[in-house]
Amino acid sequence: GLIERETNFRNIYGDGGKAYGYCQVWPYWWSETMQDIGASDLNIPKDNFRTACAAVRELTDRYGSLAGALTAYNQGSYNGTVTEYARSVMAKAKKWRALI
């Protein structure tokens, strides 16, 4: 759901070249996480996906919910208000889960 929402399954640069790959990971914010998981190149799909998953896990632990994590993933923080972005990612994920 996140990849569909972020880039519609394209490996691109976004946010003026600051966000990388399918999941639009910002190395500025997630370089330590990348080191922790052994990801070195966000242009490589495997490293991009693993970093985004680790980031969402960290944010879920911090904010206590997937909706909060996705809100923070998109806008940098979560103040208790779930965004349209988070609702959209979760709806897209539900759609994909129904196919398996």
C-alpha atoms as a PDB file:
ATOM      1  CA  GLY A   1       0.000   0.000   0.000  1.00  0.00           C
ATOM      2  CA  LEU A   2       2.836   2.382   0.859  1.00  0.00           C
ATOM      3  CA  ILE A   3       4.678   1.781  -2.408  1.00  0.00           C
ATOM      4  CA  GLU A   4       1.533   2.257  -4.471  1.00  0.00           C
ATOM      5  CA  ARG A   5       0.738   5.495  -2.654  1.00  0.00           C
ATOM      6  CA  GLU A   6       4.269   6.879  -2.733  1.00  0.00           C
ATOM      7  CA  THR A   7       5.321   6.174  -6.327  1.00  0.00           C
ATOM      8  CA  ASN A   8       2.733   3.943  -7.989  1.00  0.00           C
ATOM      9  CA  PHE A   9       5.399   1.194  -8.151  1.00  0.00           C
ATOM     10  CA  ARG A  10       8.128   3.346  -9.727  1.00  0.00           C
ATOM     11  CA  ASN A  11      11.756   3.566  -8.616  1.00  0.00           C
ATOM     12  CA  ILE A  12      12.135   7.352  -8.716  1.00  0.00           C
ATOM     13  CA  TYR A  13      13.518  10.371  -6.861  1.00  0.00           C
ATOM     14  CA  GLY A  14      11.014  12.690  -5.229  1.00  0.00           C
ATOM     15  CA  ASP A  15      10.800  15.729  -2.995  1.00  0.00           C
ATOM     16  CA  GLY A  16      13.407  17.592  -5.012  1.00  0.00           C
ATOM     17  CA  GLY A  17      15.750  14.606  -5.068  1.00  0.00           C
ATOM     18  CA  LYS A  18      15.698  14.113  -1.287  1.00  0.00           C
ATOM     19  CA  ALA A  19      13.476  11.001  -1.317  1.00  0.00           C
ATOM     20  CA  TYR A  20      14.711   7.805  -2.943  1.00  0.00           C
ATOM     21  CA  GLY A  21      13.098   4.869  -4.657  1.00  0.00           C
ATOM     22  CA  TYR A  22       9.819   3.050  -4.491  1.00  0.00           C
ATOM     23  CA  CYS A  23       9.173   3.956  -0.849  1.00  0.00           C
ATOM     24  CA  GLN A  24      10.504   7.526  -1.060  1.00  0.00           C
ATOM     25  CA  VAL A  25      12.961   7.074   1.799  1.00  0.00           C
ATOM     26  CA  TRP A  26      14.870  10.146   2.925  1.00  0.00           C
ATOM     27  CA  PRO A  27      18.461   9.145   3.764  1.00  0.00           C
ATOM     28  CA  TYR A  28      18.709  12.328   5.845  1.00  0.00           C
ATOM     29  CA  TRP A  29      16.239  10.845   8.354  1.00  0.00           C
ATOM     30  CA  TRP A  30      16.952   7.129   7.990  1.00  0.00           C
ATOM     31  CA  SER A  31      20.743   6.772   7.484  1.00  0.00           C
ATOM     32  CA  GLU A  32      21.263   5.337  10.978  1.00  0.00           C
ATOM     33  CA  THR A  33      18.498   2.799  10.380  1.00  0.00           C
ATOM     34  CA  MET A  34      20.122   1.919   7.069  1.00  0.00           C
ATOM     35  CA  GLN A  35      23.410   1.247   8.849  1.00  0.00           C
ATOM     36  CA  ASP A  36      21.646  -0.847  11.486  1.00  0.00           C
ATOM     37  CA  ILE A  37      20.050  -3.123   8.879  1.00  0.00           C
ATOM     38  CA  GLY A  38      22.965  -3.188   6.432  1.00  0.00           C
ATOM     39  CA  ALA A  39      21.261  -1.229   3.653  1.00  0.00           C
ATOM     40  CA  SER A  40      23.673   0.847   1.594  1.00  0.00           C
ATOM     41  CA  ASP A  41      21.902   2.003  -1.580  1.00  0.00           C
ATOM     42  CA  LEU A  42      18.300   3.204  -1.609  1.00  0.00           C
ATOM     43  CA  ASN A  43      18.240   2.852  -5.394  1.00  0.00           C
ATOM     44  CA  ILE A  44      18.421  -0.921  -4.948  1.00  0.00           C
ATOM     45  CA  PRO A  45      14.845  -2.103  -4.367  1.00  0.00           C
ATOM     46  CA  LYS A  46      15.842  -4.548  -1.613  1.00  0.00           C
ATOM     47  CA  ASP A  47      17.582  -1.821   0.388  1.00  0.00           C
ATOM     48  CA  ASN A  48      14.752   0.627  -0.240  1.00  0.00           C
ATOM     49  CA  PHE A  49      12.053  -1.817   0.886  1.00  0.00           C
ATOM     50  CA  ARG A  50      13.999  -2.989   3.940  1.00  0.00           C
ATOM     51  CA  THR A  51      14.699   0.574   5.042  1.00  0.00           C
ATOM     52  CA  ALA A  52      11.082   1.634   4.646  1.00  0.00           C
ATOM     53  CA  CYS A  53       9.889  -1.421   6.583  1.00  0.00           C
ATOM     54  CA  ALA A  54      12.377  -0.724   9.375  1.00  0.00           C
ATOM     55  CA  ALA A  55      11.328   2.937   9.445  1.00  0.00           C
ATOM     56  CA  VAL A  56       7.642   2.056   9.692  1.00  0.00           C
ATOM     57  CA  ARG A  57       8.458  -0.454  12.459  1.00  0.00           C
ATOM     58  CA  GLU A  58      10.412   2.202  14.399  1.00  0.00           C
ATOM     59  CA  LEU A  59       7.589   4.698  13.971  1.00  0.00           C
ATOM     60  CA  THR A  60       4.959   2.137  14.973  1.00  0.00           C
ATOM     61  CA  ASP A  61       6.909   1.432  18.144  1.00  0.00           C
ATOM     62  CA  ARG A  62       7.224   5.166  18.839  1.00  0.00           C
ATOM     63  CA  TYR A  63       3.617   6.155  18.141  1.00  0.00           C
ATOM     64  CA  GLY A  64       1.823   2.948  19.089  1.00  0.00           C
ATOM     65  CA  SER A  65      -0.174   2.450  15.915  1.00  0.00           C
ATOM     66  CA  LEU A  66       0.299   1.832  12.229  1.00  0.00           C
ATOM     67  CA  ALA A  67      -1.881   4.841  11.414  1.00  0.00           C
ATOM     68  CA  GLY A  68       0.328   7.066  13.544  1.00  0.00           C
ATOM     69  CA  ALA A  69       3.460   5.559  12.040  1.00  0.00           C
ATOM     70  CA  LEU A  70       2.266   6.143   8.485  1.00  0.00           C
ATOM     71  CA  THR A  71       1.264   9.701   9.309  1.00  0.00           C
ATOM     72  CA  ALA A  72       4.753  10.343  10.708  1.00  0.00           C
ATOM     73  CA  TYR A  73       6.406   8.545   7.778  1.00  0.00           C
ATOM     74  CA  ASN A  74       4.718  11.002   5.452  1.00  0.00           C
ATOM     75  CA  GLN A  75       4.849  14.247   7.382  1.00  0.00           C
ATOM     76  CA  GLY A  76       7.641  13.742   9.900  1.00  0.00           C
ATOM     77  CA  SER A  77       5.580  13.574  13.074  1.00  0.00           C
ATOM     78  CA  TYR A  78       2.270  12.406  14.504  1.00  0.00           C
ATOM     79  CA  ASN A  79       0.183  14.604  16.792  1.00  0.00           C
ATOM     80  CA  GLY A  80      -2.736  12.216  17.251  1.00  0.00           C
ATOM     81  CA  THR A  81      -4.536  13.123  14.024  1.00  0.00           C
ATOM     82  CA  VAL A  82      -4.451  10.394  11.382  1.00  0.00           C
ATOM     83  CA  THR A  83      -3.933  11.840   7.916  1.00  0.00           C
ATOM     84  CA  GLU A  84      -5.586  11.014   4.629  1.00  0.00           C
ATOM     85  CA  TYR A  85      -2.210   9.656   3.534  1.00  0.00           C
ATOM     86  CA  ALA A  86      -2.198   7.034   6.314  1.00  0.00           C
ATOM     87  CA  ARG A  87      -5.812   6.049   5.630  1.00  0.00           C
ATOM     88  CA  SER A  88      -5.018   5.729   1.925  1.00  0.00           C
ATOM     89  CA  VAL A  89      -1.964   3.515   2.497  1.00  0.00           C
ATOM     90  CA  MET A  90      -3.940   1.236   4.805  1.00  0.00           C
ATOM     91  CA  ALA A  91      -6.828   0.992   2.307  1.00  0.00           C
ATOM     92  CA  LYS A  92      -4.428   0.128  -0.500  1.00  0.00           C
ATOM     93  CA  ALA A  93      -2.749  -2.509   1.689  1.00  0.00           C
ATOM     94  CA  LYS A  94      -6.140  -4.018   2.488  1.00  0.00           C
ATOM     95  CA  LYS A  95      -6.876  -4.216  -1.234  1.00  0.00           C
ATOM     96  CA  TRP A  96      -3.587  -6.057  -1.878  1.00  0.00           C
ATOM     97  CA  ARG A  97      -4.082  -8.425   1.059  1.00  0.00           C
ATOM     98  CA  ALA A  98      -7.452  -9.443  -0.364  1.00  0.00           C
ATOM     99  CA  LEU A  99      -5.682 -10.763  -3.466  1.00  0.00           C
ATOM    100  CA  ILE A 100      -3.648 -13.362  -1.568  1.00  0.00           C
END
